[in-house]
Each structure stands twice: as C-alpha cells, then as structure tokens.
C-alpha cells in the first residue's frame, strides 16, 4: 500500500502492535494534541521516539479506493510470488535461497 505524500496508513490485525503504533504516530507521546487541548495541561510522557505524519483529506481520498482493492491486490501478489517460486525452484540458488 503506498504512503501518500507526508503520511500514510497502517493496517494490522496484530493486537501487540496497535498500542505501539499509536504511540509512534504521536512522537511517542501518551496524549494527543486534541487530548491536551481538551483536558488542559495534564502530565503526559514521551515513552519512545516516534514520528508525526499527517494525511490531509485529498490524500485520504486517494487512499480510500486503494483500500477497497487491498484484498484483491494481496491475492494477486501471493499468486505472483507462487509463480516466481515455481519458476525459480529449478535453478540453483533460485527459490530455495529465499
């Protein structure tokens, strides 16, 4: 999935990654800017080095149709990978080296 301009999107079904990814997207801070604004000053920590990427509405609009094709694209990549493995399996250092 392409990352559009300065930001992007990450999709995961791994629960062990969700909180870490949420922290990373906020520079590693435990409170979002909206939380800090809404709640007034309340202590927050930077628990790890993170990044700050923004996706605007135009970038999101470009991404949405790509998300609808995500499963089909994944299946196509898996099909092509299988084909490469099949073709390269007879070559020394081919698919067996992967």
N, C-alpha and C. Protein backbone atom coordinates (compact mmCIF):
# COMPACT_ATOMS: atom_id res chain seq x y z
N UNK A 1 0.85 -1.16 0.00
CA UNK A 1 0.00 0.00 0.00
C UNK A 1 0.90 1.23 0.00
N UNK A 2 0.67 2.14 -0.90
CA UNK A 2 1.53 3.31 -0.93
C UNK A 2 1.24 4.26 0.22
N UNK A 3 2.24 4.95 0.65
CA UNK A 3 2.07 6.02 1.63
C UNK A 3 1.91 7.30 0.83
N UNK A 4 0.85 7.99 1.05
CA UNK A 4 0.56 9.19 0.28
C UNK A 4 1.27 10.40 0.88
N UNK A 5 2.20 10.97 0.15
CA UNK A 5 2.93 12.18 0.48
C UNK A 5 3.58 12.09 1.85
N UNK A 6 3.21 12.97 2.79
CA UNK A 6 3.95 13.02 4.05
C UNK A 6 3.46 12.00 5.06
N UNK A 7 2.38 11.34 4.81
CA UNK A 7 1.83 10.40 5.78
C UNK A 7 1.46 9.11 5.11
N UNK A 8 0.62 8.38 5.74
CA UNK A 8 0.23 7.12 5.18
C UNK A 8 -0.78 6.44 6.07
N UNK A 9 -0.91 5.18 5.89
CA UNK A 9 -1.84 4.40 6.69
C UNK A 9 -1.19 3.07 6.98
N UNK A 10 -1.48 2.56 8.13
CA UNK A 10 -1.00 1.24 8.50
C UNK A 10 -2.21 0.44 8.93
N UNK A 11 -2.30 -0.76 8.44
CA UNK A 11 -3.38 -1.66 8.84
C UNK A 11 -2.75 -2.90 9.46
N UNK A 12 -3.28 -3.32 10.59
CA UNK A 12 -2.78 -4.53 11.23
C UNK A 12 -3.91 -5.23 11.97
N UNK A 13 -3.80 -6.53 12.06
CA UNK A 13 -4.72 -7.27 12.91
C UNK A 13 -3.97 -7.82 14.12
N UNK A 14 -2.77 -7.32 14.33
CA UNK A 14 -1.95 -7.76 15.46
C UNK A 14 -2.15 -6.84 16.65
N UNK A 15 -2.80 -7.34 17.67
CA UNK A 15 -3.06 -6.55 18.87
C UNK A 15 -1.78 -6.08 19.53
N UNK A 16 -0.71 -6.86 19.42
CA UNK A 16 0.54 -6.49 20.07
C UNK A 16 1.18 -5.25 19.43
N UNK A 17 0.77 -4.89 18.21
CA UNK A 17 1.34 -3.72 17.54
C UNK A 17 0.51 -2.45 17.72
N UNK A 18 -0.76 -2.59 18.01
CA UNK A 18 -1.66 -1.44 17.97
C UNK A 18 -1.21 -0.30 18.89
N UNK A 19 -0.98 -0.58 20.18
CA UNK A 19 -0.59 0.49 21.10
C UNK A 19 0.75 1.10 20.73
N UNK A 20 1.69 0.26 20.32
CA UNK A 20 3.00 0.79 19.92
C UNK A 20 2.86 1.72 18.71
N UNK A 21 2.07 1.31 17.72
CA UNK A 21 1.87 2.16 16.55
C UNK A 21 1.17 3.46 16.91
N UNK A 22 0.22 3.40 17.82
CA UNK A 22 -0.46 4.63 18.27
C UNK A 22 0.51 5.59 18.93
N UNK A 23 1.41 5.06 19.74
CA UNK A 23 2.42 5.92 20.36
C UNK A 23 3.38 6.48 19.32
N UNK A 24 3.82 5.66 18.40
CA UNK A 24 4.78 6.12 17.39
C UNK A 24 4.21 7.24 16.54
N UNK A 25 2.92 7.17 16.22
CA UNK A 25 2.32 8.22 15.38
C UNK A 25 2.23 9.56 16.09
N UNK A 26 2.39 9.57 17.41
CA UNK A 26 2.28 10.80 18.21
C UNK A 26 3.63 11.23 18.78
N UNK A 27 4.70 10.98 18.07
CA UNK A 27 6.05 11.27 18.56
C UNK A 27 6.37 10.47 19.81
N UNK A 28 5.63 9.41 20.08
CA UNK A 28 5.85 8.63 21.29
C UNK A 28 5.16 9.19 22.52
N UNK A 29 4.32 10.23 22.33
CA UNK A 29 3.64 10.86 23.47
C UNK A 29 2.39 10.06 23.86
N UNK A 30 2.08 10.07 25.13
CA UNK A 30 0.94 9.31 25.64
C UNK A 30 -0.38 10.06 25.51
N UNK A 31 -0.35 11.33 25.14
CA UNK A 31 -1.57 12.12 24.94
C UNK A 31 -1.53 12.79 23.57
N UNK A 32 -2.67 12.81 22.88
CA UNK A 32 -2.75 13.50 21.60
C UNK A 32 -2.85 15.00 21.83
N UNK A 33 -2.62 15.78 20.79
CA UNK A 33 -2.78 17.23 20.89
C UNK A 33 -4.22 17.57 21.24
N UNK A 34 -5.18 16.85 20.66
CA UNK A 34 -6.58 17.10 20.97
C UNK A 34 -6.87 16.82 22.44
N UNK A 35 -6.32 15.74 22.98
CA UNK A 35 -6.49 15.43 24.41
C UNK A 35 -5.90 16.54 25.26
N UNK A 36 -4.69 16.99 24.92
CA UNK A 36 -4.03 18.03 25.72
C UNK A 36 -4.82 19.32 25.65
N UNK A 37 -5.39 19.65 24.50
CA UNK A 37 -6.18 20.88 24.36
C UNK A 37 -7.49 20.77 25.13
N UNK A 38 -8.18 19.65 24.98
CA UNK A 38 -9.49 19.44 25.62
C UNK A 38 -9.37 19.38 27.14
N UNK A 39 -8.35 18.70 27.63
CA UNK A 39 -8.22 18.47 29.07
C UNK A 39 -7.43 19.55 29.78
N UNK A 40 -6.86 20.49 29.03
CA UNK A 40 -5.96 21.45 29.65
C UNK A 40 -4.66 20.73 29.96
N UNK A 41 -3.77 21.41 30.64
CA UNK A 41 -2.50 20.73 30.91
C UNK A 41 -2.72 19.57 31.86
N UNK A 42 -2.28 18.45 31.42
CA UNK A 42 -2.22 17.26 32.26
C UNK A 42 -0.92 16.58 31.86
N UNK A 43 -0.27 16.01 32.80
CA UNK A 43 1.03 15.41 32.52
C UNK A 43 0.92 14.36 31.43
N UNK A 44 1.87 14.35 30.55
CA UNK A 44 1.98 13.32 29.54
C UNK A 44 3.45 12.98 29.39
N UNK A 45 3.72 11.82 28.91
CA UNK A 45 5.09 11.35 28.77
C UNK A 45 5.42 11.05 27.31
N UNK A 46 6.68 11.17 27.00
CA UNK A 46 7.19 10.66 25.73
C UNK A 46 7.87 9.34 26.10
N UNK A 47 7.24 8.25 25.74
CA UNK A 47 7.72 6.93 26.17
C UNK A 47 8.64 6.26 25.16
N UNK A 48 8.65 6.76 23.93
CA UNK A 48 9.56 6.25 22.90
C UNK A 48 9.67 7.29 21.82
N UNK A 49 10.75 7.22 21.05
CA UNK A 49 10.88 8.13 19.92
C UNK A 49 9.87 7.73 18.86
N UNK A 50 9.15 8.69 18.35
CA UNK A 50 8.14 8.39 17.35
C UNK A 50 8.20 9.39 16.21
N UNK A 51 7.16 9.38 15.39
CA UNK A 51 7.09 10.23 14.20
C UNK A 51 5.77 10.97 14.20
N UNK A 52 5.69 12.01 13.40
CA UNK A 52 4.43 12.73 13.22
C UNK A 52 4.21 12.90 11.73
N UNK A 53 3.23 12.19 11.21
CA UNK A 53 2.87 12.29 9.80
C UNK A 53 1.40 12.67 9.72
N UNK A 54 1.10 13.55 8.83
CA UNK A 54 -0.28 13.99 8.65
C UNK A 54 -0.80 13.56 7.29
N UNK A 55 -2.04 13.16 7.25
CA UNK A 55 -2.69 12.85 6.00
C UNK A 55 -3.86 13.82 5.86
N UNK A 56 -3.87 14.58 4.78
CA UNK A 56 -4.98 15.50 4.59
C UNK A 56 -6.13 14.81 3.86
N UNK A 57 -7.21 15.54 3.65
CA UNK A 57 -8.41 14.96 3.04
C UNK A 57 -8.18 14.47 1.62
N UNK A 58 -7.38 15.18 0.86
CA UNK A 58 -7.10 14.76 -0.52
C UNK A 58 -6.32 13.45 -0.51
N UNK A 59 -5.33 13.35 0.34
CA UNK A 59 -4.55 12.11 0.44
C UNK A 59 -5.44 10.95 0.89
N UNK A 60 -6.34 11.21 1.84
CA UNK A 60 -7.26 10.16 2.29
C UNK A 60 -8.18 9.74 1.15
N UNK A 61 -8.62 10.71 0.35
CA UNK A 61 -9.49 10.38 -0.78
C UNK A 61 -8.76 9.52 -1.81
N UNK A 62 -7.47 9.74 -1.98
CA UNK A 62 -6.68 8.90 -2.89
C UNK A 62 -6.53 7.49 -2.32
N UNK A 63 -6.37 7.40 -1.01
CA UNK A 63 -6.15 6.11 -0.36
C UNK A 63 -7.41 5.25 -0.32
N UNK A 64 -8.58 5.83 -0.15
CA UNK A 64 -9.81 5.05 0.03
C UNK A 64 -10.06 4.02 -1.08
N UNK A 65 -9.98 4.38 -2.35
CA UNK A 65 -10.18 3.36 -3.39
C UNK A 65 -9.11 2.26 -3.34
N UNK A 66 -7.91 2.61 -2.92
CA UNK A 66 -6.85 1.61 -2.82
C UNK A 66 -7.20 0.59 -1.73
N UNK A 67 -7.80 1.04 -0.64
CA UNK A 67 -8.20 0.14 0.44
C UNK A 67 -9.24 -0.86 -0.03
N UNK A 68 -10.15 -0.41 -0.90
CA UNK A 68 -11.17 -1.32 -1.42
C UNK A 68 -10.57 -2.43 -2.28
N UNK A 69 -9.41 -2.16 -2.87
CA UNK A 69 -8.73 -3.16 -3.72
C UNK A 69 -7.66 -3.93 -2.97
N UNK A 70 -7.49 -3.67 -1.69
CA UNK A 70 -6.39 -4.25 -0.93
C UNK A 70 -6.38 -5.77 -0.96
N UNK A 71 -7.51 -6.41 -0.69
CA UNK A 71 -7.55 -7.87 -0.64
C UNK A 71 -7.24 -8.48 -2.02
N UNK A 72 -7.80 -7.90 -3.07
CA UNK A 72 -7.53 -8.41 -4.41
C UNK A 72 -6.05 -8.24 -4.77
N UNK A 73 -5.48 -7.11 -4.40
CA UNK A 73 -4.05 -6.87 -4.68
C UNK A 73 -3.18 -7.86 -3.90
N UNK A 74 -3.55 -8.15 -2.66
CA UNK A 74 -2.80 -9.11 -1.86
C UNK A 74 -2.83 -10.49 -2.49
N UNK A 75 -4.02 -10.92 -2.92
CA UNK A 75 -4.13 -12.22 -3.59
C UNK A 75 -3.31 -12.28 -4.87
N UNK A 76 -3.30 -11.20 -5.62
CA UNK A 76 -2.51 -11.14 -6.85
C UNK A 76 -1.02 -11.24 -6.54
N UNK A 77 -0.57 -10.54 -5.50
CA UNK A 77 0.84 -10.62 -5.11
C UNK A 77 1.21 -12.03 -4.67
N UNK A 78 0.31 -12.67 -3.91
CA UNK A 78 0.57 -14.04 -3.47
C UNK A 78 0.63 -15.00 -4.66
N UNK A 79 -0.25 -14.80 -5.64
CA UNK A 79 -0.25 -15.63 -6.85
C UNK A 79 1.06 -15.45 -7.61
N UNK A 80 1.48 -14.20 -7.77
CA UNK A 80 2.73 -13.93 -8.48
C UNK A 80 3.94 -14.50 -7.72
N UNK A 81 3.95 -14.37 -6.41
CA UNK A 81 5.05 -14.91 -5.61
C UNK A 81 5.12 -16.43 -5.80
N UNK A 82 3.97 -17.08 -5.78
CA UNK A 82 3.94 -18.53 -6.01
C UNK A 82 4.48 -18.90 -7.38
N UNK A 83 4.14 -18.10 -8.35
CA UNK A 83 4.63 -18.34 -9.73
C UNK A 83 6.15 -18.18 -9.80
N UNK A 84 6.69 -17.12 -9.17
CA UNK A 84 8.14 -16.94 -9.13
C UNK A 84 8.82 -18.13 -8.46
N UNK A 85 8.29 -18.57 -7.33
CA UNK A 85 8.86 -19.72 -6.63
C UNK A 85 8.85 -20.96 -7.52
N UNK A 86 7.74 -21.15 -8.21
CA UNK A 86 7.63 -22.30 -9.13
C UNK A 86 8.68 -22.22 -10.23
N UNK A 87 8.83 -21.07 -10.84
CA UNK A 87 9.78 -20.89 -11.94
C UNK A 87 11.21 -21.00 -11.46
N UNK A 88 11.53 -20.42 -10.31
CA UNK A 88 12.89 -20.38 -9.83
C UNK A 88 13.32 -21.64 -9.07
N UNK A 89 12.38 -22.51 -8.74
CA UNK A 89 12.72 -23.67 -7.92
C UNK A 89 13.69 -24.63 -8.62
N UNK A 90 13.73 -24.62 -9.91
CA UNK A 90 14.64 -25.49 -10.63
C UNK A 90 16.02 -24.91 -10.86
N UNK A 91 16.23 -23.70 -10.43
CA UNK A 91 17.50 -23.01 -10.66
C UNK A 91 18.33 -23.05 -9.37
N UNK A 92 19.59 -23.42 -9.47
CA UNK A 92 20.45 -23.43 -8.31
C UNK A 92 20.56 -22.02 -7.73
N UNK A 93 20.28 -21.89 -6.45
CA UNK A 93 20.29 -20.58 -5.82
C UNK A 93 19.03 -19.80 -6.07
N UNK A 94 18.02 -20.43 -6.70
CA UNK A 94 16.75 -19.76 -7.03
C UNK A 94 15.84 -19.69 -5.81
N UNK A 95 14.66 -20.29 -5.93
CA UNK A 95 13.64 -20.20 -4.89
C UNK A 95 14.10 -20.82 -3.58
N UNK A 96 14.99 -21.82 -3.64
CA UNK A 96 15.44 -22.45 -2.40
C UNK A 96 16.32 -21.52 -1.57
N UNK A 97 16.82 -20.44 -2.18
CA UNK A 97 17.66 -19.49 -1.45
C UNK A 97 16.80 -18.47 -0.70
N UNK A 98 15.51 -18.41 -0.99
CA UNK A 98 14.63 -17.41 -0.35
C UNK A 98 14.24 -17.86 1.02
